[in-house]
N, C-alpha and C. Protein backbone atom coordinates (compact mmCIF):
# COMPACT_ATOMS: atom_id res chain seq x y z
N ALA A 1 -89.21 -75.02 9.39
CA ALA A 1 -90.12 -75.27 9.97
C ALA A 1 -89.77 -74.96 11.81
N LEU A 2 -88.44 -75.32 12.08
CA LEU A 2 -88.16 -74.53 13.36
C LEU A 2 -88.60 -73.48 13.57
N LEU A 3 -88.23 -72.15 12.82
CA LEU A 3 -88.21 -70.88 13.00
C LEU A 3 -89.57 -70.95 13.37
N GLY A 4 -90.21 -71.11 12.39
CA GLY A 4 -91.97 -70.99 12.52
C GLY A 4 -92.68 -71.49 13.64
N ASP A 5 -92.30 -72.82 14.51
CA ASP A 5 -92.75 -73.32 15.59
C ASP A 5 -92.09 -71.93 16.87
N LEU A 6 -90.71 -71.83 16.97
CA LEU A 6 -90.27 -70.98 17.72
C LEU A 6 -91.17 -69.64 17.50
N GLN A 7 -91.72 -68.79 16.34
CA GLN A 7 -92.20 -67.64 16.46
C GLN A 7 -93.66 -67.95 17.19
N ARG A 8 -94.05 -69.37 16.89
CA ARG A 8 -95.93 -69.29 17.42
C ARG A 8 -95.59 -69.58 18.95
N ALA A 9 -94.50 -70.26 19.13
CA ALA A 9 -94.39 -70.47 20.79
C ALA A 9 -94.18 -68.81 21.23
N ALA A 10 -93.33 -68.17 20.57
CA ALA A 10 -93.34 -67.17 21.58
C ALA A 10 -94.53 -65.83 21.49
N ALA A 11 -95.20 -66.18 20.43
CA ALA A 11 -96.69 -65.31 20.11
C ALA A 11 -97.22 -65.63 21.17
N PRO A 12 -98.00 -64.11 21.74
CA PRO A 12 -99.05 -64.42 22.98
C PRO A 12 -100.28 -65.04 22.26
N ARG A 13 -100.78 -65.50 23.10
CA ARG A 13 -102.13 -66.06 22.86
C ARG A 13 -103.16 -65.30 23.90
N TRP A 14 -104.20 -64.81 23.00
CA TRP A 14 -105.13 -64.16 24.13
C TRP A 14 -106.35 -65.18 24.04
N PRO A 15 -106.94 -64.93 25.10
CA PRO A 15 -108.48 -65.82 25.43
C PRO A 15 -109.19 -65.01 24.71
N GLU A 16 -110.06 -66.45 24.21
CA GLU A 16 -111.33 -65.80 23.27
C GLU A 16 -112.63 -65.72 24.43
N SER A 17 -112.44 -65.95 25.22
CA SER A 17 -113.61 -65.72 26.14
C SER A 17 -113.25 -65.61 27.74
N LEU A 18 -113.91 -64.94 28.47
CA LEU A 18 -113.55 -64.40 30.25
C LEU A 18 -114.79 -65.30 30.76
N ALA A 19 -114.55 -65.70 31.95
CA ALA A 19 -115.75 -65.99 32.69
C ALA A 19 -116.00 -65.07 33.69
N VAL A 20 -117.12 -64.84 33.55
CA VAL A 20 -117.71 -63.22 34.42
C VAL A 20 -118.65 -63.77 35.70
N ARG A 21 -118.22 -63.32 37.20
CA ARG A 21 -119.41 -63.92 37.97
C ARG A 21 -120.76 -63.35 37.71
N VAL A 22 -121.66 -63.80 38.04
CA VAL A 22 -122.93 -62.99 38.01
C VAL A 22 -123.85 -63.98 39.29
N GLY A 23 -123.98 -63.24 40.00
CA GLY A 23 -124.60 -64.07 41.61
C GLY A 23 -123.55 -65.06 41.80
N ALA A 24 -123.98 -66.18 42.05
CA ALA A 24 -123.18 -67.44 42.70
C ALA A 24 -122.71 -68.04 41.75
N GLN A 25 -123.17 -67.72 40.49
CA GLN A 25 -122.53 -68.50 39.12
C GLN A 25 -121.64 -67.64 38.27
N PHE A 26 -120.96 -68.51 37.39
CA PHE A 26 -120.44 -67.75 36.19
C PHE A 26 -120.96 -67.72 34.63
N VAL A 27 -120.83 -66.75 34.31
CA VAL A 27 -120.83 -66.91 33.11
C VAL A 27 -119.86 -66.49 31.65
N VAL A 28 -119.74 -67.26 30.88
CA VAL A 28 -118.95 -67.16 29.94
C VAL A 28 -119.17 -66.40 28.40
N VAL A 29 -118.24 -64.76 28.45
CA VAL A 29 -118.36 -63.96 27.62
C VAL A 29 -117.51 -64.20 27.14
N ARG A 30 -117.71 -64.33 25.18
CA ARG A 30 -116.72 -64.44 24.47
C ARG A 30 -116.24 -62.73 23.89
N LEU A 31 -115.43 -62.62 24.14
CA LEU A 31 -114.72 -61.70 23.50
C LEU A 31 -114.99 -60.93 22.14
N ALA A 32 -115.39 -61.71 21.46
CA ALA A 32 -115.93 -61.04 19.97
C ALA A 32 -117.49 -60.84 20.32
N ASP A 33 -118.14 -60.68 21.24
CA ASP A 33 -119.63 -60.64 21.50
C ASP A 33 -119.33 -59.23 22.24
N VAL A 34 -118.04 -58.73 22.64
CA VAL A 34 -118.05 -57.24 23.76
C VAL A 34 -118.41 -56.31 23.06
N ASP A 35 -119.01 -55.04 22.64
CA ASP A 35 -118.67 -54.34 22.18
C ASP A 35 -118.14 -53.08 22.72
N TRP A 36 -117.94 -52.83 23.85
CA TRP A 36 -117.19 -51.95 24.77
C TRP A 36 -117.06 -52.23 26.06
N ILE A 37 -115.91 -51.71 26.86
CA ILE A 37 -115.52 -52.10 28.14
C ILE A 37 -115.21 -50.37 28.81
N GLU A 38 -115.91 -50.27 30.15
CA GLU A 38 -115.55 -48.97 30.33
C GLU A 38 -114.75 -49.42 31.79
N ALA A 39 -114.06 -48.53 32.47
CA ALA A 39 -113.66 -49.03 33.52
C ALA A 39 -114.57 -48.44 34.74
N ASP A 40 -114.75 -49.14 35.78
CA ASP A 40 -115.66 -48.78 36.84
C ASP A 40 -114.75 -48.86 38.26
N GLY A 41 -113.87 -48.17 38.56
CA GLY A 41 -113.25 -48.42 39.81
C GLY A 41 -111.92 -49.51 39.37
N ASN A 42 -111.94 -50.37 40.12
CA ASN A 42 -111.00 -51.60 40.10
C ASN A 42 -111.86 -52.82 39.34
N HIS A 43 -112.98 -52.59 38.51
CA HIS A 43 -113.96 -53.36 38.29
C HIS A 43 -113.85 -52.85 36.57
N ALA A 44 -114.20 -53.51 35.29
CA ALA A 44 -114.43 -53.46 34.62
C ALA A 44 -116.19 -53.74 34.06
N ARG A 45 -116.47 -52.95 33.37
CA ARG A 45 -118.10 -52.99 32.94
C ARG A 45 -117.84 -53.57 31.29
N LEU A 46 -118.19 -54.93 31.20
CA LEU A 46 -118.19 -55.36 29.75
C LEU A 46 -119.66 -55.27 29.06
N HIS A 47 -120.00 -54.12 27.95
CA HIS A 47 -120.80 -54.14 27.56
C HIS A 47 -121.15 -55.17 25.99
N VAL A 48 -121.96 -55.90 26.29
CA VAL A 48 -122.53 -57.08 25.63
C VAL A 48 -123.85 -57.00 25.05
N GLY A 49 -124.13 -56.65 23.96
CA GLY A 49 -125.45 -56.26 23.26
C GLY A 49 -126.04 -55.33 24.47
N PRO A 50 -127.40 -55.67 24.87
CA PRO A 50 -128.12 -54.97 26.00
C PRO A 50 -127.80 -55.33 27.31
N ARG A 51 -126.53 -56.58 27.23
CA ARG A 51 -126.34 -56.79 28.67
C ARG A 51 -125.09 -56.25 28.96
N VAL A 52 -124.62 -55.80 30.71
CA VAL A 52 -123.65 -55.20 31.27
C VAL A 52 -122.99 -56.47 32.09
N ARG A 53 -122.15 -57.01 31.95
CA ARG A 53 -121.23 -57.85 32.83
C ARG A 53 -120.01 -57.16 33.40
N VAL A 54 -120.45 -57.42 34.85
CA VAL A 54 -119.06 -56.48 35.66
C VAL A 54 -118.09 -57.96 35.99
N LEU A 55 -116.90 -57.33 35.62
CA LEU A 55 -115.86 -58.19 35.93
C LEU A 55 -114.85 -57.56 37.30
N ALA A 56 -114.72 -58.47 37.89
CA ALA A 56 -113.64 -57.67 38.92
C ALA A 56 -111.97 -58.04 38.79
N LYS A 57 -111.59 -57.19 37.44
CA LYS A 57 -110.19 -56.88 36.96
C LYS A 57 -110.76 -55.16 36.75
N SER A 58 -109.53 -54.80 36.82
CA SER A 58 -109.64 -53.32 36.54
C SER A 58 -109.31 -53.31 34.60
N LEU A 59 -109.69 -52.26 34.07
CA LEU A 59 -109.19 -52.20 32.84
C LEU A 59 -107.80 -51.99 32.49
N ALA A 60 -106.82 -51.59 33.64
CA ALA A 60 -105.46 -51.73 32.95
C ALA A 60 -105.04 -52.90 32.90
N THR A 61 -105.60 -53.92 33.93
CA THR A 61 -105.06 -55.04 33.90
C THR A 61 -105.66 -56.02 32.85
N LEU A 62 -107.01 -56.15 32.14
CA LEU A 62 -107.25 -55.93 31.28
C LEU A 62 -106.62 -55.93 29.86
N GLU A 63 -106.32 -54.82 29.76
CA GLU A 63 -105.49 -54.41 28.62
C GLU A 63 -104.14 -54.67 28.82
N ARG A 64 -103.70 -54.94 29.75
CA ARG A 64 -102.24 -55.48 29.67
C ARG A 64 -102.03 -57.33 29.81
N ASP A 65 -102.95 -57.95 30.42
CA ASP A 65 -102.96 -59.21 30.16
C ASP A 65 -104.03 -60.24 29.40
N LEU A 66 -105.24 -59.64 28.59
CA LEU A 66 -106.28 -60.50 28.35
C LEU A 66 -106.77 -59.84 27.12
N LEU A 67 -106.55 -58.39 26.84
CA LEU A 67 -107.29 -58.12 25.36
C LEU A 67 -106.17 -58.10 24.41
N ASP A 68 -106.62 -58.87 23.30
CA ASP A 68 -105.75 -58.83 21.88
C ASP A 68 -105.51 -57.16 21.46
N PRO A 69 -104.73 -56.62 21.40
CA PRO A 69 -104.43 -55.22 20.88
C PRO A 69 -104.71 -55.04 19.82
N PRO A 70 -104.59 -55.97 18.73
CA PRO A 70 -105.50 -55.28 17.23
C PRO A 70 -106.88 -55.10 17.22
N ARG A 71 -107.57 -56.18 18.47
CA ARG A 71 -108.81 -56.10 18.44
C ARG A 71 -109.69 -55.22 19.38
N PHE A 72 -108.70 -54.68 20.41
CA PHE A 72 -109.11 -53.69 21.32
C PHE A 72 -108.35 -52.44 21.12
N VAL A 73 -109.00 -51.42 21.23
CA VAL A 73 -108.03 -50.10 21.30
C VAL A 73 -108.57 -49.17 22.27
N ARG A 74 -108.09 -48.56 23.10
CA ARG A 74 -108.20 -47.78 24.49
C ARG A 74 -108.97 -46.36 23.61
N VAL A 75 -109.82 -45.89 24.06
CA VAL A 75 -110.29 -44.74 23.46
C VAL A 75 -111.00 -43.71 24.80
N HIS A 76 -109.72 -42.56 24.56
CA HIS A 76 -110.17 -41.61 26.02
C HIS A 76 -111.65 -40.82 25.73
């Protein structure tokens, strides 16, 4: 039981959603709803169905810190 607790504590926890600024407000975007993401300079464009949400983070930062590797794969 202790080993299982240690493994769960060491495993990274990836967010299920991101807050994206839209005008003066924030919109919560569930990562499960994101179809694809593209780089736009130091920003990332999240394609969610017919909508595009611009996030003030680079694609490299998202990939390194926020996106679960088994769920998101970088394609060139």
